Amino acid sequence: MALFISFATSAQDLKKYQWKNRIILLKDIRFDSDKLQDQLDLLHVNTEKLEARDLLIFIVTDESVFDNSKIKTKLNSSSIIKKYGLADFNGLVLVGKDGGVKLKESFIVNPKTIYNLIDSMPMRQAEMRSSSKH
């Protein structure tokens, strides 16, 4: 029983974020690849825009998943790679709050493209209307 529980916690996927956060997956073979780091730098230019859209960033390599602070997470890279078809892919994947892929592009993606896409989604428009009322 304990073996099963430890396996289940180490094999977490992104389901716990569903309906709470949008996810940006940055997938590359190496954590320190130039393109991945350039993409990360572009996204970090304006963290307020990320926060306003409930965006979380995860860096995915073949071995590990790291959070926005470059700290290794308990998320299972192989299950994420399989679920989103990232085996032979290097680039950015935007996962909506519903868990579906909204954008899948090779590096480098202009953050404005991501923000415009999110802002055109009905759920985001409802969020913006709701926040303007408060």
N, C-alpha and C. Protein backbone atom coordinates (compact mmCIF):
# COMPACT_ATOMS: atom_id res chain seq x y z
N MET A 1 0.82 -1.19 0.00
CA MET A 1 0.00 0.00 0.00
C MET A 1 0.87 1.26 0.00
N ALA A 2 1.89 1.32 0.82
CA ALA A 2 2.77 2.48 0.88
C ALA A 2 3.49 2.69 -0.45
N LEU A 3 3.86 1.60 -1.11
CA LEU A 3 4.52 1.70 -2.40
C LEU A 3 3.60 2.36 -3.42
N PHE A 4 2.34 1.99 -3.43
CA PHE A 4 1.38 2.59 -4.35
C PHE A 4 1.21 4.08 -4.08
N ILE A 5 1.11 4.47 -2.83
CA ILE A 5 0.92 5.87 -2.47
C ILE A 5 2.12 6.70 -2.91
N SER A 6 3.33 6.22 -2.69
CA SER A 6 4.50 6.99 -3.09
C SER A 6 4.59 7.09 -4.61
N PHE A 7 4.18 6.04 -5.31
CA PHE A 7 4.18 6.11 -6.77
C PHE A 7 3.15 7.12 -7.26
N ALA A 8 1.99 7.14 -6.65
CA ALA A 8 0.93 8.05 -7.06
C ALA A 8 1.35 9.50 -6.86
N THR A 9 2.03 9.81 -5.78
CA THR A 9 2.43 11.20 -5.57
C THR A 9 3.57 11.60 -6.49
N SER A 10 4.42 10.67 -6.87
CA SER A 10 5.51 11.03 -7.76
C SER A 10 5.05 11.09 -9.21
N ALA A 11 3.89 10.56 -9.51
CA ALA A 11 3.39 10.54 -10.88
C ALA A 11 2.29 11.57 -11.10
N GLN A 12 2.30 12.62 -10.31
CA GLN A 12 1.28 13.66 -10.47
C GLN A 12 1.37 14.28 -11.86
N ASP A 13 0.21 14.69 -12.38
CA ASP A 13 0.23 15.44 -13.62
C ASP A 13 -0.40 16.80 -13.36
N LEU A 14 -0.88 17.43 -14.38
CA LEU A 14 -1.36 18.80 -14.26
C LEU A 14 -2.82 18.92 -13.86
N LYS A 15 -3.49 17.81 -13.59
CA LYS A 15 -4.92 17.83 -13.25
C LYS A 15 -5.25 18.73 -12.07
N LYS A 16 -4.35 18.81 -11.11
CA LYS A 16 -4.64 19.61 -9.92
C LYS A 16 -4.75 21.11 -10.23
N TYR A 17 -4.26 21.51 -11.40
CA TYR A 17 -4.34 22.91 -11.79
C TYR A 17 -5.57 23.22 -12.64
N GLN A 18 -6.24 22.15 -13.10
CA GLN A 18 -7.38 22.33 -14.00
C GLN A 18 -8.45 23.19 -13.33
N TRP A 19 -8.99 24.12 -14.11
CA TRP A 19 -10.02 25.09 -13.72
C TRP A 19 -9.50 26.16 -12.77
N LYS A 20 -8.21 26.10 -12.40
CA LYS A 20 -7.62 27.14 -11.54
C LYS A 20 -6.59 27.96 -12.30
N ASN A 21 -5.77 27.27 -13.10
CA ASN A 21 -4.66 27.92 -13.79
C ASN A 21 -4.58 27.54 -15.25
N ARG A 22 -4.03 28.46 -16.02
CA ARG A 22 -3.56 28.14 -17.36
C ARG A 22 -2.08 27.80 -17.20
N ILE A 23 -1.59 26.91 -18.04
CA ILE A 23 -0.22 26.41 -17.90
C ILE A 23 0.56 26.69 -19.18
N ILE A 24 1.77 27.16 -19.01
CA ILE A 24 2.72 27.23 -20.12
C ILE A 24 3.77 26.16 -19.85
N LEU A 25 3.88 25.22 -20.78
CA LEU A 25 4.93 24.20 -20.73
C LEU A 25 6.03 24.62 -21.68
N LEU A 26 7.24 24.72 -21.19
CA LEU A 26 8.40 24.99 -22.03
C LEU A 26 9.18 23.69 -22.12
N LYS A 27 9.14 23.06 -23.28
CA LYS A 27 9.74 21.72 -23.45
C LYS A 27 11.01 21.81 -24.27
N ASP A 28 12.07 21.26 -23.75
CA ASP A 28 13.32 21.15 -24.50
C ASP A 28 14.09 19.95 -23.96
N ILE A 29 15.08 19.52 -24.70
CA ILE A 29 15.87 18.37 -24.30
C ILE A 29 16.65 18.71 -23.02
N ARG A 30 17.21 19.92 -22.99
CA ARG A 30 18.01 20.34 -21.84
C ARG A 30 17.38 21.53 -21.14
N PHE A 31 17.48 21.55 -19.86
CA PHE A 31 16.97 22.64 -19.02
C PHE A 31 17.65 23.96 -19.37
N ASP A 32 18.93 23.90 -19.74
CA ASP A 32 19.71 25.11 -19.97
C ASP A 32 19.87 25.47 -21.44
N SER A 33 19.00 24.97 -22.31
CA SER A 33 19.13 25.30 -23.73
C SER A 33 18.90 26.80 -23.92
N ASP A 34 19.60 27.37 -24.89
CA ASP A 34 19.51 28.81 -25.13
C ASP A 34 18.10 29.26 -25.48
N LYS A 35 17.44 28.52 -26.37
CA LYS A 35 16.09 28.92 -26.78
C LYS A 35 15.11 28.86 -25.63
N LEU A 36 15.19 27.83 -24.81
CA LEU A 36 14.30 27.72 -23.65
C LEU A 36 14.55 28.88 -22.70
N GLN A 37 15.79 29.19 -22.42
CA GLN A 37 16.11 30.29 -21.50
C GLN A 37 15.69 31.63 -22.09
N ASP A 38 15.85 31.82 -23.41
CA ASP A 38 15.39 33.06 -24.06
C ASP A 38 13.88 33.20 -23.95
N GLN A 39 13.16 32.09 -24.15
CA GLN A 39 11.70 32.12 -24.03
C GLN A 39 11.29 32.45 -22.60
N LEU A 40 11.95 31.85 -21.65
CA LEU A 40 11.66 32.11 -20.24
C LEU A 40 11.90 33.59 -19.90
N ASP A 41 13.01 34.13 -20.39
CA ASP A 41 13.32 35.54 -20.15
C ASP A 41 12.24 36.45 -20.71
N LEU A 42 11.76 36.14 -21.92
CA LEU A 42 10.69 36.94 -22.53
C LEU A 42 9.42 36.90 -21.69
N LEU A 43 9.09 35.75 -21.17
CA LEU A 43 7.88 35.61 -20.35
C LEU A 43 8.01 36.33 -19.02
N HIS A 44 9.23 36.40 -18.49
CA HIS A 44 9.44 37.04 -17.19
C HIS A 44 9.51 38.56 -17.25
N VAL A 45 9.53 39.12 -18.47
CA VAL A 45 9.59 40.57 -18.61
C VAL A 45 8.40 41.23 -17.91
N ASN A 46 7.23 40.61 -18.00
CA ASN A 46 6.05 41.21 -17.42
C ASN A 46 5.25 40.16 -16.64
N THR A 47 5.67 39.92 -15.41
CA THR A 47 5.02 38.89 -14.61
C THR A 47 3.58 39.25 -14.24
N GLU A 48 3.26 40.56 -14.23
CA GLU A 48 1.88 40.96 -13.93
C GLU A 48 0.91 40.39 -14.97
N LYS A 49 1.34 40.35 -16.22
CA LYS A 49 0.48 39.80 -17.27
C LYS A 49 0.27 38.31 -17.09
N LEU A 50 1.29 37.61 -16.61
CA LEU A 50 1.17 36.18 -16.33
C LEU A 50 0.18 35.98 -15.19
N GLU A 51 0.36 36.73 -14.12
CA GLU A 51 -0.50 36.59 -12.94
C GLU A 51 -1.94 36.95 -13.25
N ALA A 52 -2.16 38.00 -14.05
CA ALA A 52 -3.52 38.42 -14.38
C ALA A 52 -4.28 37.34 -15.14
N ARG A 53 -3.56 36.49 -15.84
CA ARG A 53 -4.18 35.43 -16.63
C ARG A 53 -4.08 34.07 -15.95
N ASP A 54 -3.72 34.06 -14.69
CA ASP A 54 -3.59 32.82 -13.90
C ASP A 54 -2.64 31.82 -14.57
N LEU A 55 -1.55 32.33 -15.12
CA LEU A 55 -0.59 31.48 -15.83
C LEU A 55 0.52 30.97 -14.91
N LEU A 56 0.78 29.68 -15.01
CA LEU A 56 1.92 29.05 -14.35
C LEU A 56 2.84 28.52 -15.45
N ILE A 57 4.13 28.58 -15.20
CA ILE A 57 5.11 28.11 -16.17
C ILE A 57 5.82 26.88 -15.60
N PHE A 58 5.91 25.84 -16.43
CA PHE A 58 6.69 24.65 -16.07
C PHE A 58 7.67 24.37 -17.19
N ILE A 59 8.89 24.03 -16.82
CA ILE A 59 9.93 23.65 -17.76
C ILE A 59 10.00 22.13 -17.77
N VAL A 60 9.85 21.55 -18.95
CA VAL A 60 9.79 20.09 -19.08
C VAL A 60 10.99 19.61 -19.89
N THR A 61 11.76 18.71 -19.29
CA THR A 61 12.81 18.01 -20.03
C THR A 61 12.43 16.53 -20.04
N ASP A 62 13.23 15.72 -20.71
CA ASP A 62 12.92 14.30 -20.77
C ASP A 62 12.99 13.64 -19.39
N GLU A 63 13.76 14.21 -18.47
CA GLU A 63 13.94 13.60 -17.15
C GLU A 63 13.12 14.24 -16.03
N SER A 64 12.86 15.56 -16.13
CA SER A 64 12.29 16.28 -14.99
C SER A 64 11.36 17.40 -15.42
N VAL A 65 10.61 17.89 -14.43
CA VAL A 65 9.77 19.07 -14.62
C VAL A 65 10.17 20.07 -13.54
N PHE A 66 10.40 21.31 -13.96
CA PHE A 66 10.80 22.36 -13.05
C PHE A 66 9.72 23.44 -13.03
N ASP A 67 9.58 24.11 -11.88
CA ASP A 67 8.61 25.20 -11.83
C ASP A 67 9.26 26.50 -12.30
N ASN A 68 8.52 27.57 -12.19
CA ASN A 68 8.96 28.88 -12.65
C ASN A 68 10.22 29.36 -11.92
N SER A 69 10.45 28.86 -10.73
CA SER A 69 11.64 29.23 -9.96
C SER A 69 12.81 28.30 -10.25
N LYS A 70 12.64 27.45 -11.25
CA LYS A 70 13.67 26.49 -11.67
C LYS A 70 13.93 25.44 -10.60
N ILE A 71 12.91 25.17 -9.79
CA ILE A 71 13.00 24.14 -8.77
C ILE A 71 12.32 22.88 -9.30
N LYS A 72 12.98 21.74 -9.13
CA LYS A 72 12.43 20.47 -9.60
C LYS A 72 11.13 20.16 -8.86
N THR A 73 10.10 19.76 -9.61
CA THR A 73 8.80 19.45 -9.02
C THR A 73 8.60 17.94 -8.94
N LYS A 74 7.48 17.54 -8.35
CA LYS A 74 7.12 16.12 -8.30
C LYS A 74 6.30 15.71 -9.52
N LEU A 75 6.09 16.64 -10.45
CA LEU A 75 5.35 16.30 -11.66
C LEU A 75 6.14 15.29 -12.47
N ASN A 76 5.45 14.40 -13.14
CA ASN A 76 6.08 13.33 -13.91
C ASN A 76 6.29 13.78 -15.35
N SER A 77 7.54 13.96 -15.75
CA SER A 77 7.83 14.46 -17.10
C SER A 77 7.36 13.50 -18.18
N SER A 78 7.54 12.20 -17.98
CA SER A 78 7.16 11.25 -19.04
C SER A 78 5.65 11.25 -19.27
N SER A 79 4.85 11.40 -18.20
CA SER A 79 3.40 11.42 -18.41
C SER A 79 2.96 12.71 -19.09
N ILE A 80 3.61 13.83 -18.77
CA ILE A 80 3.29 15.11 -19.43
C ILE A 80 3.71 15.05 -20.90
N ILE A 81 4.88 14.53 -21.16
CA ILE A 81 5.37 14.41 -22.54
C ILE A 81 4.43 13.54 -23.36
N LYS A 82 3.99 12.43 -22.78
CA LYS A 82 3.07 11.53 -23.49
C LYS A 82 1.71 12.18 -23.71
N LYS A 83 1.16 12.78 -22.66
CA LYS A 83 -0.18 13.36 -22.74
C LYS A 83 -0.26 14.47 -23.79
N TYR A 84 0.77 15.29 -23.89
CA TYR A 84 0.74 16.44 -24.80
C TYR A 84 1.54 16.23 -26.09
N GLY A 85 2.01 15.00 -26.32
CA GLY A 85 2.72 14.68 -27.56
C GLY A 85 4.00 15.48 -27.74
N LEU A 86 4.85 15.50 -26.71
CA LEU A 86 6.04 16.34 -26.72
C LEU A 86 7.34 15.58 -26.92
N ALA A 87 7.26 14.32 -27.27
CA ALA A 87 8.48 13.49 -27.37
C ALA A 87 9.51 14.09 -28.32
N ASP A 88 9.10 14.51 -29.49
CA ASP A 88 10.04 15.07 -30.47
C ASP A 88 9.78 16.55 -30.69
N PHE A 89 9.37 17.24 -29.63
CA PHE A 89 8.98 18.64 -29.73
C PHE A 89 9.82 19.48 -28.79
N ASN A 90 10.28 20.61 -29.29
CA ASN A 90 10.93 21.62 -28.46
C ASN A 90 10.20 22.93 -28.70
N GLY A 91 9.59 23.47 -27.66
CA GLY A 91 8.86 24.70 -27.82
C GLY A 91 7.93 24.96 -26.65
N LEU A 92 6.89 25.75 -26.93
CA LEU A 92 5.95 26.20 -25.92
C LEU A 92 4.58 25.60 -26.16
N VAL A 93 3.95 25.15 -25.09
CA VAL A 93 2.59 24.64 -25.14
C VAL A 93 1.76 25.42 -24.12
N LEU A 94 0.65 25.98 -24.58
CA LEU A 94 -0.29 26.65 -23.68
C LEU A 94 -1.44 25.70 -23.41
N VAL A 95 -1.66 25.40 -22.13
CA VAL A 95 -2.75 24.52 -21.71
C VAL A 95 -3.78 25.39 -21.01
N GLY A 96 -5.02 25.32 -21.48
CA GLY A 96 -6.08 26.13 -20.90
C GLY A 96 -6.55 25.60 -19.57
N LYS A 97 -7.39 26.38 -18.91
CA LYS A 97 -7.93 25.97 -17.61
C LYS A 97 -8.73 24.67 -17.73
N ASP A 98 -9.25 24.40 -18.93
CA ASP A 98 -10.00 23.16 -19.15
C ASP A 98 -9.10 21.95 -19.39
N GLY A 99 -7.79 22.18 -19.43
CA GLY A 99 -6.84 21.09 -19.63
C GLY A 99 -6.49 20.84 -21.09
N GLY A 100 -7.11 21.56 -22.00
CA GLY A 100 -6.86 21.37 -23.43
C GLY A 100 -5.71 22.23 -23.94
N VAL A 101 -5.06 21.75 -25.00
CA VAL A 101 -3.96 22.49 -25.62
C VAL A 101 -4.55 23.62 -26.46
N LYS A 102 -4.12 24.84 -26.18
CA LYS A 102 -4.61 26.02 -26.89
C LYS A 102 -3.61 26.54 -27.90
N LEU A 103 -2.33 26.23 -27.67
CA LEU A 103 -1.27 26.68 -28.56
C LEU A 103 -0.09 25.74 -28.40
N LYS A 104 0.52 25.38 -29.51
CA LYS A 104 1.72 24.54 -29.49
C LYS A 104 2.62 25.04 -30.61
N GLU A 105 3.69 25.74 -30.23
CA GLU A 105 4.59 26.37 -31.20
C GLU A 105 6.04 26.12 -30.80
N SER A 106 6.89 26.02 -31.81
CA SER A 106 8.33 25.94 -31.55
C SER A 106 8.80 27.28 -30.98
N PHE A 107 9.91 27.23 -30.23
CA PHE A 107 10.49 28.46 -29.70
C PHE A 107 10.89 29.37 -30.85
N ILE A 108 10.82 30.62 -30.77
CA ILE A 108 10.46 31.50 -29.68
C ILE A 108 9.07 32.07 -30.00
N VAL A 109 8.19 32.07 -28.98
CA VAL A 109 6.83 32.59 -29.14
C VAL A 109 6.76 33.95 -28.46
N ASN A 110 6.25 34.93 -29.19
CA ASN A 110 6.08 36.27 -28.63
C ASN A 110 5.01 36.20 -27.53
N PRO A 111 5.32 36.69 -26.33
CA PRO A 111 4.33 36.66 -25.26
C PRO A 111 3.01 37.34 -25.63
N LYS A 112 3.07 38.36 -26.47
CA LYS A 112 1.86 39.06 -26.90
C LYS A 112 0.90 38.11 -27.61
N THR A 113 1.46 37.16 -28.37
CA THR A 113 0.64 36.14 -29.05
C THR A 113 -0.13 35.32 -28.02
N ILE A 114 0.55 34.95 -26.94
CA ILE A 114 -0.08 34.15 -25.89
C ILE A 114 -1.17 34.95 -25.19
N TYR A 115 -0.86 36.19 -24.82
CA TYR A 115 -1.82 37.02 -24.10
C TYR A 115 -3.06 37.31 -24.96
N ASN A 116 -2.83 37.62 -26.24
CA ASN A 116 -3.97 37.89 -27.14
C ASN A 116 -4.85 36.66 -27.29
N LEU A 117 -4.23 35.49 -27.41
CA LEU A 117 -5.00 34.25 -27.55
C LEU A 117 -5.83 34.01 -26.29
N ILE A 118 -5.21 34.12 -25.14
CA ILE A 118 -5.94 33.92 -23.88
C ILE A 118 -7.08 34.93 -23.75
N ASP A 119 -6.78 36.20 -24.05
CA ASP A 119 -7.78 37.25 -23.89
C ASP A 119 -8.96 37.10 -24.85
N SER A 120 -8.79 36.32 -25.91
CA SER A 120 -9.89 36.08 -26.85
C SER A 120 -10.79 34.92 -26.42
N MET A 121 -10.37 34.18 -25.39
CA MET A 121 -11.12 33.01 -24.93
C MET A 121 -12.33 33.45 -24.09
N PRO A 122 -13.46 32.79 -24.28
CA PRO A 122 -14.67 33.16 -23.51
C PRO A 122 -14.47 33.14 -21.99
N MET A 123 -13.73 32.16 -21.47
CA MET A 123 -13.53 32.10 -20.02
C MET A 123 -12.76 33.32 -19.53
N ARG A 124 -11.73 33.72 -20.28
CA ARG A 124 -10.93 34.89 -19.90
C ARG A 124 -11.77 36.16 -20.01
N GLN A 125 -12.61 36.26 -21.03
CA GLN A 125 -13.45 37.45 -21.17
C GLN A 125 -14.41 37.56 -20.00
N ALA A 126 -14.93 36.43 -19.55
CA ALA A 126 -15.80 36.43 -18.37
C ALA A 126 -15.02 36.85 -17.13
N GLU A 127 -13.77 36.39 -17.01
CA GLU A 127 -12.94 36.79 -15.88
C GLU A 127 -12.69 38.29 -15.88
N MET A 128 -12.43 38.85 -17.07
CA MET A 128 -12.17 40.29 -17.16
C MET A 128 -13.43 41.09 -16.82
N ARG A 129 -14.59 40.64 -17.29
CA ARG A 129 -15.84 41.33 -16.95
C ARG A 129 -16.09 41.27 -15.45
N SER A 130 -15.85 40.12 -14.86
CA SER A 130 -16.07 39.92 -13.42
C SER A 130 -15.14 40.82 -12.60
N SER A 131 -13.88 40.90 -12.99
CA SER A 131 -12.93 41.71 -12.22
C SER A 131 -13.17 43.20 -12.39
N SER A 132 -13.75 43.62 -13.51
CA SER A 132 -14.02 45.05 -13.72
C SER A 132 -15.22 45.50 -12.89
N LYS A 133 -16.04 44.58 -12.44
CA LYS A 133 -17.21 44.91 -11.62
C LYS A 133 -16.82 45.13 -10.16
N HIS A 134 -15.64 44.62 -9.78
CA HIS A 134 -15.23 44.72 -8.36
C HIS A 134 -14.41 45.95 -8.11
